[in-house]
């Protein structure tokens, strides 16, 4: 039989709850970071100025954003998934050549290419801001 815990074990629910459902519920709703958007730049350290410029545009729009610059896609996606960041903007050379970036919803796995010039507005629309 599972034990009831006092409410201080789960500040989101009143009166305590079942150990398993509490942990599962908290796991689903608690995020390690408040970041709304991860800007992932595919490339080496020479891309850091680009990452800083694009991230500052997101910050200017009052979005909580951070960036990762890496030559490995798995490092970028792992950062977003591990931190439970809901949206990712992916910037690669081939998209930059056409003036586009990819916006990906990490919960639904749906991604779409959008113009680089409008990516901040597109992210805000997707976040319903």
Protein backbone atom coordinates (compact mmCIF):
# COMPACT_ATOMS: atom_id res chain seq x y z
CA UNK A 1 0.00 0.00 0.00
CA UNK A 2 1.32 3.42 -0.92
CA UNK A 3 1.75 6.06 1.71
CA UNK A 4 0.17 9.52 1.74
CA UNK A 5 2.70 12.33 2.00
CA UNK A 6 2.16 15.74 3.57
CA UNK A 7 1.56 18.57 1.11
CA UNK A 8 5.09 19.99 1.51
CA UNK A 9 6.37 17.13 -0.65
CA UNK A 10 4.40 18.51 -3.57
CA UNK A 11 3.83 22.29 -3.38
CA UNK A 12 1.60 22.16 -6.46
CA UNK A 13 -1.05 19.96 -4.81
CA UNK A 14 -2.89 20.51 -1.54
CA UNK A 15 -3.27 17.86 1.11
CA UNK A 16 -0.54 15.47 0.04
CA UNK A 17 -0.90 12.76 -2.52
CA UNK A 18 0.09 9.27 -3.57
CA UNK A 19 3.89 8.96 -3.85
CA UNK A 20 3.87 7.70 -7.44
CA UNK A 21 1.32 10.12 -8.81
CA UNK A 22 2.99 13.01 -7.01
CA UNK A 23 6.37 12.22 -8.47
CA UNK A 24 4.94 11.57 -11.91
CA UNK A 25 2.81 14.73 -11.78
CA UNK A 26 5.75 16.84 -10.64
CA UNK A 27 7.98 15.29 -13.28
CA UNK A 28 5.51 16.29 -15.99
CA UNK A 29 5.10 19.89 -14.90
CA UNK A 30 8.39 20.91 -13.30
CA UNK A 31 11.08 22.18 -15.64
CA UNK A 32 14.74 22.62 -14.73
CA UNK A 33 14.78 26.00 -16.49
CA UNK A 34 12.37 28.79 -17.41
CA UNK A 35 13.89 29.01 -20.88
CA UNK A 36 11.19 29.12 -23.55
CA UNK A 37 13.42 28.83 -26.61
CA UNK A 38 16.76 27.20 -27.26
CA UNK A 39 18.66 28.69 -30.18
CA UNK A 40 20.81 25.90 -31.61
CA UNK A 41 23.58 26.95 -33.98
CA UNK A 42 25.22 24.19 -35.99
CA UNK A 43 28.88 25.04 -36.39
CA UNK A 44 32.09 25.78 -34.56
CA UNK A 45 32.98 28.55 -32.12
CA UNK A 46 33.22 31.09 -34.96
CA UNK A 47 29.37 31.09 -34.90
CA UNK A 48 29.19 32.47 -31.35
CA UNK A 49 28.74 36.11 -32.51
CA UNK A 50 25.80 35.01 -34.69
CA UNK A 51 24.31 33.09 -31.76
CA UNK A 52 24.68 36.10 -29.47
CA UNK A 53 23.07 38.40 -32.05
CA UNK A 54 20.06 36.14 -32.64
CA UNK A 55 19.61 35.40 -28.94
CA UNK A 56 19.67 39.12 -28.14
CA UNK A 57 16.79 39.57 -30.61
CA UNK A 58 14.80 36.99 -28.65
CA UNK A 59 15.70 38.71 -25.37
CA UNK A 60 14.66 42.05 -26.89
CA UNK A 61 11.22 40.53 -27.47
CA UNK A 62 11.09 39.57 -23.76
CA UNK A 63 11.51 35.87 -24.50
CA UNK A 64 13.50 33.62 -22.19
CA UNK A 65 16.14 32.19 -24.48
CA UNK A 66 19.57 30.64 -24.45
CA UNK A 67 21.89 29.32 -27.12
CA UNK A 68 24.13 26.36 -27.84
CA UNK A 69 26.78 26.32 -30.57
CA UNK A 70 27.90 22.85 -31.58
CA UNK A 71 28.92 20.84 -34.60
CA UNK A 72 26.80 17.97 -33.26
CA UNK A 73 23.03 18.09 -33.56
CA UNK A 74 22.59 15.51 -30.79
CA UNK A 75 24.28 17.87 -28.30
CA UNK A 76 21.85 20.67 -29.18
CA UNK A 77 18.71 18.53 -29.05
CA UNK A 78 19.86 16.84 -25.82
CA UNK A 79 20.24 20.23 -24.14
CA UNK A 80 16.67 21.15 -25.09
CA UNK A 81 15.17 17.80 -24.07
CA UNK A 82 17.10 17.49 -20.80
CA UNK A 83 16.04 21.00 -19.78
CA UNK A 84 12.49 20.47 -21.06
CA UNK A 85 12.70 23.58 -23.21
CA UNK A 86 9.53 23.54 -25.33
CA UNK A 87 10.80 25.28 -28.50
CA UNK A 88 14.01 25.22 -30.49
CA UNK A 89 15.26 27.44 -33.28
CA UNK A 90 17.84 25.60 -35.37
CA UNK A 91 20.29 27.56 -37.49
CA UNK A 92 22.43 25.70 -40.01
CA UNK A 93 24.53 26.96 -42.92
CA UNK A 94 22.18 25.63 -45.58
CA UNK A 95 19.19 27.45 -44.06
CA UNK A 96 21.21 30.64 -43.57
CA UNK A 97 22.14 30.63 -47.26
CA UNK A 98 18.43 30.83 -48.09
CA UNK A 99 17.67 33.26 -45.26
CA UNK A 100 15.69 30.76 -43.18
CA UNK A 101 15.80 28.99 -39.83
CA UNK A 102 13.90 25.99 -38.48
CA UNK A 103 11.49 26.31 -35.57
CA UNK A 104 10.73 23.05 -33.82
CA UNK A 105 8.15 22.24 -31.15
CA UNK A 106 9.90 19.64 -29.02
CA UNK A 107 6.68 18.27 -27.55
CA UNK A 108 4.87 17.60 -30.84
CA UNK A 109 8.07 17.17 -32.92
CA UNK A 110 6.60 19.48 -35.59
CA UNK A 111 9.14 21.72 -37.30
CA UNK A 112 8.85 24.41 -39.92
CA UNK A 113 11.22 26.64 -41.85
CA UNK A 114 10.59 30.36 -41.41
CA UNK A 115 12.35 33.47 -42.72
CA UNK A 116 15.27 34.56 -40.55
CA UNK A 117 13.95 38.13 -40.65
CA UNK A 118 10.68 37.05 -38.98
CA UNK A 119 11.81 34.26 -36.66
CA UNK A 120 11.25 36.25 -33.45
CA UNK A 121 7.64 37.03 -34.39
CA UNK A 122 7.10 33.42 -35.40
CA UNK A 123 8.39 32.17 -32.05
CA UNK A 124 6.18 34.65 -30.18
CA UNK A 125 3.15 33.50 -32.20
CA UNK A 126 3.87 29.88 -31.38
CA UNK A 127 4.24 30.71 -27.70
CA UNK A 128 0.92 32.59 -27.88
CA UNK A 129 2.52 35.84 -26.70
